[in-house]
Amino acid sequence: MEKVLLHCCCGPCSTASIETLKNLGYAVVLFFGNSNIYPQSEHAKRLENLKKVATYFDLEVITGEYNHGAWLQQITGYENEREGGKRCNLCFEFNLKEAAYVAANHDIAYFTTTLTVSPHKSSPLIFKIGEKWSQFLAVDFKKKGGFHRSIELSKILELYRQDYCGCEFSKRERAKRVP
């Protein structure tokens, strides 16, 4: 069975993504880097919930170094972009590059990301960014009810579901929209 490294943004998004990859015949290894997530306590909470998912599916989790400063450097000049803009593209690239590196260093043939399960993320855009790496596996996890399945599994596993993408800029933007 061929291995695939699954970059996981959080526990809830990973659930249905894992099911899809297993149904496609892959052995799944989870990866959590996400230096974009702010504050660090939020990063820890999301990792803790991913570990719950890993236990449920009996999967390994590889944890990357939290380096928010390196992520901030990546997006410098785009801090005030709206969510879904150039800042997000740079963030996707940062996380995919890290996943590619981890996959290569663990002799895992392919990598992909849970980011495509979100109805708020453009799968074609993520696929375009992923084309930079020949081992990137383009899977749209929101297809065939993937997002709804992730919500269902999150309830079953009693997972924490965050209300913003992850960075301080998306958190600030979310706070402005919610009365």
N, C-alpha and C. Protein backbone atom coordinates (compact mmCIF):
# COMPACT_ATOMS: atom_id res chain seq x y z
N MET A 1 0.85 -1.18 0.00
CA MET A 1 0.00 0.00 0.00
C MET A 1 0.90 1.24 0.00
N GLU A 2 0.65 2.14 -0.94
CA GLU A 2 1.43 3.37 -1.07
C GLU A 2 1.08 4.34 0.06
N LYS A 3 2.10 4.99 0.62
CA LYS A 3 1.88 5.96 1.69
C LYS A 3 1.61 7.34 1.11
N VAL A 4 0.78 8.10 1.83
CA VAL A 4 0.56 9.51 1.51
C VAL A 4 0.63 10.29 2.82
N LEU A 5 1.33 11.41 2.77
CA LEU A 5 1.40 12.32 3.91
C LEU A 5 0.25 13.30 3.76
N LEU A 6 -0.57 13.40 4.77
CA LEU A 6 -1.72 14.31 4.74
C LEU A 6 -1.43 15.51 5.62
N HIS A 7 -1.20 16.67 4.99
CA HIS A 7 -1.05 17.91 5.75
C HIS A 7 -2.42 18.21 6.35
N CYS A 8 -2.48 18.34 7.66
CA CYS A 8 -3.74 18.55 8.37
C CYS A 8 -3.75 19.93 9.01
N CYS A 9 -4.77 20.71 8.67
CA CYS A 9 -4.90 22.03 9.27
C CYS A 9 -5.53 21.95 10.66
N CYS A 10 -6.32 20.88 10.88
CA CYS A 10 -7.00 20.70 12.17
C CYS A 10 -7.60 19.30 12.22
N GLY A 11 -8.10 18.92 13.37
CA GLY A 11 -8.74 17.61 13.52
C GLY A 11 -9.99 17.44 12.67
N PRO A 12 -10.94 18.38 12.75
CA PRO A 12 -12.18 18.21 11.98
C PRO A 12 -11.96 18.03 10.48
N CYS A 13 -11.10 18.84 9.88
CA CYS A 13 -10.87 18.74 8.43
C CYS A 13 -10.18 17.43 8.05
N SER A 14 -9.43 16.86 8.98
CA SER A 14 -8.70 15.64 8.66
C SER A 14 -9.59 14.40 8.61
N THR A 15 -10.70 14.41 9.32
CA THR A 15 -11.53 13.21 9.47
C THR A 15 -11.98 12.61 8.14
N ALA A 16 -12.77 13.35 7.39
CA ALA A 16 -13.29 12.85 6.12
C ALA A 16 -12.18 12.70 5.09
N SER A 17 -11.15 13.52 5.20
CA SER A 17 -10.01 13.42 4.29
C SER A 17 -9.30 12.07 4.47
N ILE A 18 -9.14 11.65 5.70
CA ILE A 18 -8.53 10.35 6.00
C ILE A 18 -9.38 9.24 5.39
N GLU A 19 -10.69 9.30 5.62
CA GLU A 19 -11.58 8.28 5.05
C GLU A 19 -11.43 8.20 3.53
N THR A 20 -11.41 9.34 2.88
CA THR A 20 -11.29 9.37 1.42
C THR A 20 -9.98 8.71 0.96
N LEU A 21 -8.88 9.09 1.59
CA LEU A 21 -7.58 8.53 1.20
C LEU A 21 -7.51 7.02 1.45
N LYS A 22 -8.08 6.59 2.57
CA LYS A 22 -8.11 5.15 2.86
C LYS A 22 -8.95 4.42 1.81
N ASN A 23 -10.08 5.02 1.43
CA ASN A 23 -10.93 4.41 0.41
C ASN A 23 -10.24 4.36 -0.95
N LEU A 24 -9.30 5.28 -1.19
CA LEU A 24 -8.51 5.28 -2.43
C LEU A 24 -7.34 4.29 -2.36
N GLY A 25 -7.17 3.66 -1.20
CA GLY A 25 -6.15 2.62 -1.06
C GLY A 25 -4.81 3.08 -0.52
N TYR A 26 -4.75 4.26 0.07
CA TYR A 26 -3.49 4.78 0.61
C TYR A 26 -3.34 4.47 2.09
N ALA A 27 -2.10 4.32 2.50
CA ALA A 27 -1.73 4.28 3.92
C ALA A 27 -1.45 5.72 4.30
N VAL A 28 -2.18 6.25 5.26
CA VAL A 28 -2.13 7.67 5.58
C VAL A 28 -1.22 7.94 6.78
N VAL A 29 -0.36 8.94 6.63
CA VAL A 29 0.47 9.47 7.71
C VAL A 29 0.07 10.93 7.85
N LEU A 30 -0.24 11.36 9.05
CA LEU A 30 -0.70 12.73 9.29
C LEU A 30 0.49 13.66 9.56
N PHE A 31 0.37 14.88 9.08
CA PHE A 31 1.39 15.89 9.34
C PHE A 31 0.74 17.17 9.82
N PHE A 32 1.25 17.70 10.92
CA PHE A 32 0.76 18.95 11.48
C PHE A 32 1.94 19.89 11.67
N GLY A 33 1.99 20.95 10.84
CA GLY A 33 3.00 21.99 10.97
C GLY A 33 2.29 23.28 11.35
N ASN A 34 1.75 23.94 10.33
CA ASN A 34 0.83 25.06 10.53
C ASN A 34 1.36 26.21 11.38
N SER A 35 2.51 26.72 11.00
CA SER A 35 3.07 27.88 11.70
C SER A 35 2.24 29.13 11.51
N ASN A 36 1.25 29.06 10.64
CA ASN A 36 0.33 30.18 10.43
C ASN A 36 -0.67 30.34 11.56
N ILE A 37 -0.91 29.30 12.32
CA ILE A 37 -1.96 29.34 13.35
C ILE A 37 -1.51 30.21 14.52
N TYR A 38 -2.41 31.09 14.93
CA TYR A 38 -2.13 32.06 15.98
C TYR A 38 -3.33 32.20 16.89
N PRO A 39 -3.13 32.31 18.19
CA PRO A 39 -1.87 32.25 18.93
C PRO A 39 -1.38 30.80 19.08
N GLN A 40 -0.24 30.65 19.71
CA GLN A 40 0.33 29.31 19.86
C GLN A 40 -0.60 28.40 20.66
N SER A 41 -1.39 28.95 21.56
CA SER A 41 -2.34 28.14 22.33
C SER A 41 -3.41 27.54 21.40
N GLU A 42 -3.79 28.28 20.36
CA GLU A 42 -4.73 27.77 19.36
C GLU A 42 -4.07 26.64 18.56
N HIS A 43 -2.81 26.83 18.22
CA HIS A 43 -2.04 25.80 17.52
C HIS A 43 -2.04 24.51 18.35
N ALA A 44 -1.77 24.63 19.64
CA ALA A 44 -1.73 23.47 20.54
C ALA A 44 -3.09 22.78 20.62
N LYS A 45 -4.16 23.58 20.68
CA LYS A 45 -5.51 23.02 20.76
C LYS A 45 -5.85 22.23 19.49
N ARG A 46 -5.48 22.76 18.34
CA ARG A 46 -5.75 22.07 17.08
C ARG A 46 -4.92 20.79 16.97
N LEU A 47 -3.68 20.83 17.42
CA LEU A 47 -2.85 19.63 17.41
C LEU A 47 -3.43 18.57 18.35
N GLU A 48 -3.86 18.98 19.51
CA GLU A 48 -4.46 18.05 20.47
C GLU A 48 -5.66 17.33 19.85
N ASN A 49 -6.48 18.06 19.13
CA ASN A 49 -7.66 17.45 18.50
C ASN A 49 -7.28 16.57 17.32
N LEU A 50 -6.22 16.91 16.60
CA LEU A 50 -5.74 16.04 15.54
C LEU A 50 -5.25 14.72 16.13
N LYS A 51 -4.62 14.78 17.28
CA LYS A 51 -4.15 13.55 17.93
C LYS A 51 -5.33 12.65 18.32
N LYS A 52 -6.47 13.24 18.68
CA LYS A 52 -7.68 12.45 18.94
C LYS A 52 -8.10 11.69 17.67
N VAL A 53 -8.05 12.39 16.55
CA VAL A 53 -8.40 11.80 15.26
C VAL A 53 -7.41 10.68 14.93
N ALA A 54 -6.14 10.93 15.15
CA ALA A 54 -5.10 9.92 14.88
C ALA A 54 -5.35 8.66 15.69
N THR A 55 -5.72 8.84 16.94
CA THR A 55 -6.02 7.69 17.80
C THR A 55 -7.23 6.93 17.25
N TYR A 56 -8.26 7.64 16.86
CA TYR A 56 -9.48 7.03 16.33
C TYR A 56 -9.18 6.19 15.08
N PHE A 57 -8.35 6.71 14.19
CA PHE A 57 -8.03 6.02 12.95
C PHE A 57 -6.75 5.16 13.05
N ASP A 58 -6.09 5.19 14.23
CA ASP A 58 -4.85 4.46 14.47
C ASP A 58 -3.77 4.86 13.45
N LEU A 59 -3.48 6.16 13.43
CA LEU A 59 -2.51 6.72 12.49
C LEU A 59 -1.40 7.46 13.21
N GLU A 60 -0.26 7.53 12.56
CA GLU A 60 0.89 8.28 13.06
C GLU A 60 0.71 9.77 12.75
N VAL A 61 1.17 10.62 13.68
CA VAL A 61 1.20 12.06 13.46
C VAL A 61 2.65 12.53 13.52
N ILE A 62 3.07 13.19 12.45
CA ILE A 62 4.37 13.86 12.44
C ILE A 62 4.10 15.33 12.73
N THR A 63 4.79 15.88 13.71
CA THR A 63 4.59 17.27 14.09
C THR A 63 5.79 18.10 13.67
N GLY A 64 5.51 19.17 12.94
CA GLY A 64 6.57 20.08 12.52
C GLY A 64 6.86 21.11 13.60
N GLU A 65 7.92 21.85 13.39
CA GLU A 65 8.29 22.92 14.32
C GLU A 65 7.34 24.11 14.13
N TYR A 66 6.88 24.68 15.22
CA TYR A 66 6.04 25.88 15.15
C TYR A 66 6.96 27.07 15.00
N ASN A 67 6.89 27.74 13.84
CA ASN A 67 7.75 28.89 13.57
C ASN A 67 6.90 30.00 12.95
N HIS A 68 6.16 30.66 13.79
CA HIS A 68 5.26 31.70 13.32
C HIS A 68 6.02 32.85 12.66
N GLY A 69 7.22 33.13 13.14
CA GLY A 69 8.03 34.18 12.55
C GLY A 69 8.36 33.91 11.09
N ALA A 70 8.70 32.66 10.76
CA ALA A 70 8.99 32.30 9.37
C ALA A 70 7.74 32.45 8.51
N TRP A 71 6.60 32.09 9.06
CA TRP A 71 5.34 32.25 8.31
C TRP A 71 5.05 33.74 8.08
N LEU A 72 5.25 34.56 9.10
CA LEU A 72 5.03 36.00 8.96
C LEU A 72 5.94 36.59 7.88
N GLN A 73 7.17 36.10 7.80
CA GLN A 73 8.08 36.54 6.74
C GLN A 73 7.51 36.19 5.37
N GLN A 74 6.95 35.00 5.25
CA GLN A 74 6.38 34.52 3.98
C GLN A 74 5.28 35.45 3.47
N ILE A 75 4.47 35.97 4.38
CA ILE A 75 3.30 36.76 3.98
C ILE A 75 3.52 38.27 4.11
N THR A 76 4.74 38.69 4.42
CA THR A 76 5.04 40.11 4.60
C THR A 76 4.56 40.93 3.40
N GLY A 77 3.86 42.01 3.73
CA GLY A 77 3.32 42.89 2.70
C GLY A 77 1.87 42.58 2.35
N TYR A 78 1.38 41.43 2.83
CA TYR A 78 0.00 41.01 2.50
C TYR A 78 -0.85 40.84 3.76
N GLU A 79 -0.41 41.42 4.85
CA GLU A 79 -1.12 41.27 6.12
C GLU A 79 -2.54 41.79 6.04
N ASN A 80 -2.78 42.83 5.26
CA ASN A 80 -4.11 43.45 5.20
C ASN A 80 -4.99 42.93 4.07
N GLU A 81 -4.53 41.90 3.38
CA GLU A 81 -5.35 41.26 2.34
C GLU A 81 -6.57 40.62 3.00
N ARG A 82 -7.66 40.60 2.27
CA ARG A 82 -8.83 39.90 2.80
C ARG A 82 -8.58 38.40 2.77
N GLU A 83 -9.32 37.66 3.59
CA GLU A 83 -9.20 36.21 3.56
C GLU A 83 -9.60 35.71 2.18
N GLY A 84 -8.79 34.80 1.65
CA GLY A 84 -9.01 34.31 0.30
C GLY A 84 -8.15 35.01 -0.72
N GLY A 85 -7.38 36.00 -0.30
CA GLY A 85 -6.53 36.77 -1.20
C GLY A 85 -5.11 36.24 -1.26
N LYS A 86 -4.19 37.10 -1.68
CA LYS A 86 -2.80 36.72 -1.90
C LYS A 86 -2.13 36.17 -0.63
N ARG A 87 -2.48 36.71 0.53
CA ARG A 87 -1.91 36.22 1.79
C ARG A 87 -2.19 34.73 1.95
N CYS A 88 -3.41 34.33 1.64
CA CYS A 88 -3.79 32.92 1.77
C CYS A 88 -3.02 32.05 0.78
N ASN A 89 -2.83 32.54 -0.44
CA ASN A 89 -2.05 31.79 -1.43
C ASN A 89 -0.64 31.54 -0.90
N LEU A 90 -0.03 32.57 -0.33
CA LEU A 90 1.32 32.43 0.23
C LEU A 90 1.33 31.47 1.42
N CYS A 91 0.27 31.49 2.20
CA CYS A 91 0.13 30.58 3.33
C CYS A 91 0.01 29.14 2.85
N PHE A 92 -0.82 28.91 1.83
CA PHE A 92 -0.95 27.56 1.26
C PHE A 92 0.42 27.06 0.79
N GLU A 93 1.14 27.95 0.09
CA GLU A 93 2.45 27.57 -0.43
C GLU A 93 3.41 27.23 0.71
N PHE A 94 3.39 28.00 1.77
CA PHE A 94 4.24 27.75 2.94
C PHE A 94 3.97 26.36 3.50
N ASN A 95 2.69 26.03 3.70
CA ASN A 95 2.33 24.75 4.30
C ASN A 95 2.58 23.57 3.36
N LEU A 96 2.33 23.75 2.07
CA LEU A 96 2.59 22.67 1.11
C LEU A 96 4.09 22.42 0.96
N LYS A 97 4.87 23.48 0.97
CA LYS A 97 6.33 23.33 0.87
C LYS A 97 6.85 22.53 2.07
N GLU A 98 6.35 22.86 3.23
CA GLU A 98 6.76 22.14 4.44
C GLU A 98 6.34 20.67 4.36
N ALA A 99 5.13 20.42 3.88
CA ALA A 99 4.64 19.03 3.75
C ALA A 99 5.49 18.26 2.73
N ALA A 100 5.85 18.89 1.63
CA ALA A 100 6.69 18.24 0.62
C ALA A 100 8.03 17.83 1.22
N TYR A 101 8.59 18.73 2.00
CA TYR A 101 9.88 18.47 2.65
C TYR A 101 9.77 17.28 3.62
N VAL A 102 8.71 17.28 4.44
CA VAL A 102 8.51 16.21 5.42
C VAL A 102 8.28 14.87 4.71
N ALA A 103 7.46 14.87 3.67
CA ALA A 103 7.21 13.64 2.91
C ALA A 103 8.52 13.08 2.36
N ALA A 104 9.32 13.93 1.75
CA ALA A 104 10.59 13.49 1.16
C ALA A 104 11.53 12.93 2.23
N ASN A 105 11.57 13.57 3.38
CA ASN A 105 12.47 13.14 4.46
C ASN A 105 11.99 11.89 5.20
N HIS A 106 10.75 11.50 4.96
CA HIS A 106 10.21 10.28 5.57
C HIS A 106 9.94 9.20 4.53
N ASP A 107 10.50 9.39 3.34
CA ASP A 107 10.34 8.43 2.24
C ASP A 107 8.87 8.10 1.98
N ILE A 108 8.05 9.14 1.98
CA ILE A 108 6.62 8.99 1.66
C ILE A 108 6.43 9.51 0.24
N ALA A 109 5.87 8.67 -0.60
CA ALA A 109 5.80 8.94 -2.04
C ALA A 109 4.97 10.17 -2.40
N TYR A 110 3.90 10.41 -1.67
CA TYR A 110 2.96 11.48 -2.03
C TYR A 110 2.61 12.31 -0.81
N PHE A 111 2.11 13.51 -1.08
CA PHE A 111 1.53 14.32 -0.01
C PHE A 111 0.33 15.08 -0.58
N THR A 112 -0.57 15.45 0.30
CA THR A 112 -1.75 16.23 -0.05
C THR A 112 -2.15 17.04 1.18
N THR A 113 -3.27 17.74 1.09
CA THR A 113 -3.69 18.62 2.19
C THR A 113 -5.19 18.56 2.44
N THR A 114 -5.55 18.70 3.69
CA THR A 114 -6.97 18.75 4.08
C THR A 114 -7.62 20.08 3.70
N LEU A 115 -6.82 21.06 3.30
CA LEU A 115 -7.37 22.39 3.00
C LEU A 115 -8.49 22.35 1.98
N THR A 116 -8.49 21.33 1.11
CA THR A 116 -9.51 21.26 0.06
C THR A 116 -10.87 20.78 0.57
N VAL A 117 -10.97 20.39 1.83
CA VAL A 117 -12.28 19.96 2.35
C VAL A 117 -13.17 21.17 2.66
N SER A 118 -12.57 22.31 2.87
CA SER A 118 -13.32 23.51 3.26
C SER A 118 -14.05 24.13 2.07
N PRO A 119 -15.33 24.46 2.26
CA PRO A 119 -16.05 25.16 1.21
C PRO A 119 -15.56 26.60 1.04
N HIS A 120 -14.72 27.06 1.96
CA HIS A 120 -14.17 28.42 1.91
C HIS A 120 -12.82 28.49 1.18
N LYS A 121 -12.31 27.34 0.75
CA LYS A 121 -11.01 27.28 0.08
C LYS A 121 -11.20 26.81 -1.36
N SER A 122 -10.46 27.40 -2.27
CA SER A 122 -10.52 27.04 -3.68
C SER A 122 -9.61 25.85 -3.96
N SER A 123 -10.21 24.70 -4.21
CA SER A 123 -9.41 23.51 -4.52
C SER A 123 -8.57 23.71 -5.78
N PRO A 124 -9.12 24.28 -6.88
CA PRO A 124 -8.28 24.49 -8.07
C PRO A 124 -7.06 25.37 -7.77
N LEU A 125 -7.22 26.37 -6.92
CA LEU A 125 -6.09 27.23 -6.55
C LEU A 125 -5.05 26.42 -5.78
N ILE A 126 -5.49 25.62 -4.83
CA ILE A 126 -4.57 24.79 -4.05
C ILE A 126 -3.87 23.79 -4.96
N PHE A 127 -4.59 23.23 -5.91
CA PHE A 127 -3.98 22.29 -6.87
C PHE A 127 -2.92 22.99 -7.70
N LYS A 128 -3.20 24.22 -8.11
CA LYS A 128 -2.24 24.99 -8.92
C LYS A 128 -0.95 25.22 -8.13
N ILE A 129 -1.09 25.58 -6.87
CA ILE A 129 0.08 25.77 -6.01
C ILE A 129 0.81 24.44 -5.83
N GLY A 130 0.05 23.37 -5.64
CA GLY A 130 0.63 22.04 -5.45
C GLY A 130 1.40 21.50 -6.65
N GLU A 131 1.10 22.03 -7.84
CA GLU A 131 1.80 21.59 -9.06
C GLU A 131 3.30 21.82 -9.01
N LYS A 132 3.75 22.64 -8.06
CA LYS A 132 5.19 22.91 -7.92
C LYS A 132 5.95 21.65 -7.48
N TRP A 133 5.22 20.68 -6.96
CA TRP A 133 5.85 19.46 -6.45
C TRP A 133 5.24 18.26 -7.16
N SER A 134 6.10 17.45 -7.75
CA SER A 134 5.62 16.30 -8.53
C SER A 134 4.93 15.26 -7.66
N GLN A 135 5.22 15.23 -6.37
CA GLN A 135 4.61 14.24 -5.48
C GLN A 135 3.29 14.72 -4.86
N PHE A 136 2.83 15.92 -5.25
CA PHE A 136 1.57 16.43 -4.72
C PHE A 136 0.40 15.68 -5.34
N LEU A 137 -0.48 15.21 -4.50
CA LEU A 137 -1.67 14.46 -4.91
C LEU A 137 -2.87 15.41 -4.81
N ALA A 138 -3.46 15.74 -5.94
CA ALA A 138 -4.58 16.69 -5.99
C ALA A 138 -5.89 15.94 -5.71
N VAL A 139 -6.38 16.08 -4.49
CA VAL A 139 -7.64 15.45 -4.10
C VAL A 139 -8.55 16.54 -3.55
N ASP A 140 -9.74 16.65 -4.10
CA ASP A 140 -10.72 17.62 -3.61
C ASP A 140 -11.59 16.91 -2.58
N PHE A 141 -11.25 17.09 -1.32
CA PHE A 141 -11.92 16.37 -0.24
C PHE A 141 -13.34 16.85 0.03
N LYS A 142 -13.73 18.01 -0.53
CA LYS A 142 -15.11 18.46 -0.30
C LYS A 142 -16.10 17.73 -1.21
N LYS A 143 -15.60 17.04 -2.24
CA LYS A 143 -16.45 16.29 -3.16
C LYS A 143 -17.15 15.14 -2.42
N LYS A 144 -18.27 14.73 -2.95
CA LYS A 144 -19.04 13.60 -2.40
C LYS A 144 -19.39 13.81 -0.92
N GLY A 145 -19.70 15.06 -0.57
CA GLY A 145 -20.15 15.35 0.80
C GLY A 145 -19.05 15.34 1.85
N GLY A 146 -17.80 15.51 1.44
CA GLY A 146 -16.68 15.45 2.37
C GLY A 146 -16.76 16.44 3.52
N PHE A 147 -17.16 17.68 3.21
CA PHE A 147 -17.25 18.67 4.28
C PHE A 147 -18.32 18.28 5.30
N HIS A 148 -19.47 17.84 4.81
CA HIS A 148 -20.56 17.44 5.73
C HIS A 148 -20.17 16.21 6.55
N ARG A 149 -19.43 15.31 5.93
CA ARG A 149 -18.94 14.13 6.65
C ARG A 149 -17.95 14.55 7.74
N SER A 150 -17.14 15.55 7.46
CA SER A 150 -16.19 16.02 8.48
C SER A 150 -16.92 16.60 9.69
N ILE A 151 -18.03 17.29 9.44
CA ILE A 151 -18.84 17.83 10.55
C ILE A 151 -19.43 16.69 11.37
N GLU A 152 -19.95 15.69 10.66
CA GLU A 152 -20.54 14.52 11.33
C GLU A 152 -19.51 13.80 12.20
N LEU A 153 -18.34 13.54 11.66
CA LEU A 153 -17.30 12.86 12.43
C LEU A 153 -16.78 13.73 13.57
N SER A 154 -16.74 15.03 13.38
CA SER A 154 -16.31 15.94 14.45
C SER A 154 -17.24 15.85 15.65
N LYS A 155 -18.53 15.73 15.36
CA LYS A 155 -19.51 15.58 16.46
C LYS A 155 -19.33 14.24 17.16
N ILE A 156 -19.16 13.19 16.39
CA ILE A 156 -18.96 11.86 16.98
C ILE A 156 -17.73 11.83 17.87
N LEU A 157 -16.64 12.44 17.41
CA LEU A 157 -15.38 12.43 18.16
C LEU A 157 -15.28 13.57 19.17
N GLU A 158 -16.30 14.43 19.21
CA GLU A 158 -16.34 15.57 20.12
C GLU A 158 -15.10 16.46 19.95
N LEU A 159 -14.86 16.83 18.70
CA LEU A 159 -13.69 17.64 18.38
C LEU A 159 -13.99 19.13 18.52
N TYR A 160 -12.98 19.86 18.87
CA TYR A 160 -13.03 21.32 18.89
C TYR A 160 -13.06 21.80 17.44
N ARG A 161 -14.04 22.65 17.14
CA ARG A 161 -14.15 23.24 15.79
C ARG A 161 -13.93 24.74 15.91
N GLN A 162 -12.84 25.21 15.35
CA GLN A 162 -12.48 26.62 15.42
C GLN A 162 -13.41 27.45 14.53
N ASP A 163 -13.44 28.75 14.79
CA ASP A 163 -14.33 29.63 14.01
C ASP A 163 -13.55 30.62 13.12
N TYR A 164 -12.25 30.35 12.92
CA TYR A 164 -11.46 31.16 11.99
C TYR A 164 -10.38 30.26 11.40
N CYS A 165 -9.87 30.68 10.25
CA CYS A 165 -8.92 29.85 9.50
C CYS A 165 -7.69 29.51 10.32
N GLY A 166 -7.07 30.50 10.94
CA GLY A 166 -5.92 30.18 11.76
C GLY A 166 -5.02 31.34 12.12
N CYS A 167 -4.75 32.22 11.17
CA CYS A 167 -3.80 33.30 11.46
C CYS A 167 -4.49 34.46 12.20
N GLU A 168 -3.66 35.34 12.73
CA GLU A 168 -4.20 36.48 13.46
C GLU A 168 -5.02 37.40 12.56
N PHE A 169 -4.72 37.39 11.28
CA PHE A 169 -5.42 38.27 10.35
C PHE A 169 -6.82 37.72 10.05
N SER A 170 -6.93 36.41 9.90
CA SER A 170 -8.26 35.82 9.69
C SER A 170 -9.08 35.90 10.97
N LYS A 171 -8.42 35.80 12.11
CA LYS A 171 -9.11 35.92 13.39
C LYS A 171 -9.68 37.33 13.55
N ARG A 172 -8.87 38.33 13.20
CA ARG A 172 -9.30 39.72 13.29
C ARG A 172 -10.47 39.99 12.33
N GLU A 173 -10.36 39.45 11.12
CA GLU A 173 -11.41 39.62 10.12
C GLU A 173 -12.71 38.97 10.59
N ARG A 174 -12.60 37.80 11.18
CA ARG A 174 -13.77 37.07 11.70
C ARG A 174 -14.44 37.89 12.82
N ALA A 175 -13.62 38.47 13.70
CA ALA A 175 -14.14 39.25 14.83
C ALA A 175 -14.93 40.46 14.34
N LYS A 176 -14.52 41.05 13.21
CA LYS A 176 -15.24 42.19 12.64
C LYS A 176 -16.60 41.79 12.09
N ARG A 177 -16.72 40.56 11.60
CA ARG A 177 -17.98 40.09 10.99
C ARG A 177 -18.99 39.62 12.02
N VAL A 178 -18.53 39.18 13.17
CA VAL A 178 -19.43 38.64 14.19
C VAL A 178 -19.77 39.73 15.19
N PRO A 179 -21.06 40.01 15.36
CA PRO A 179 -21.45 41.09 16.30
C PRO A 179 -21.21 40.72 17.75
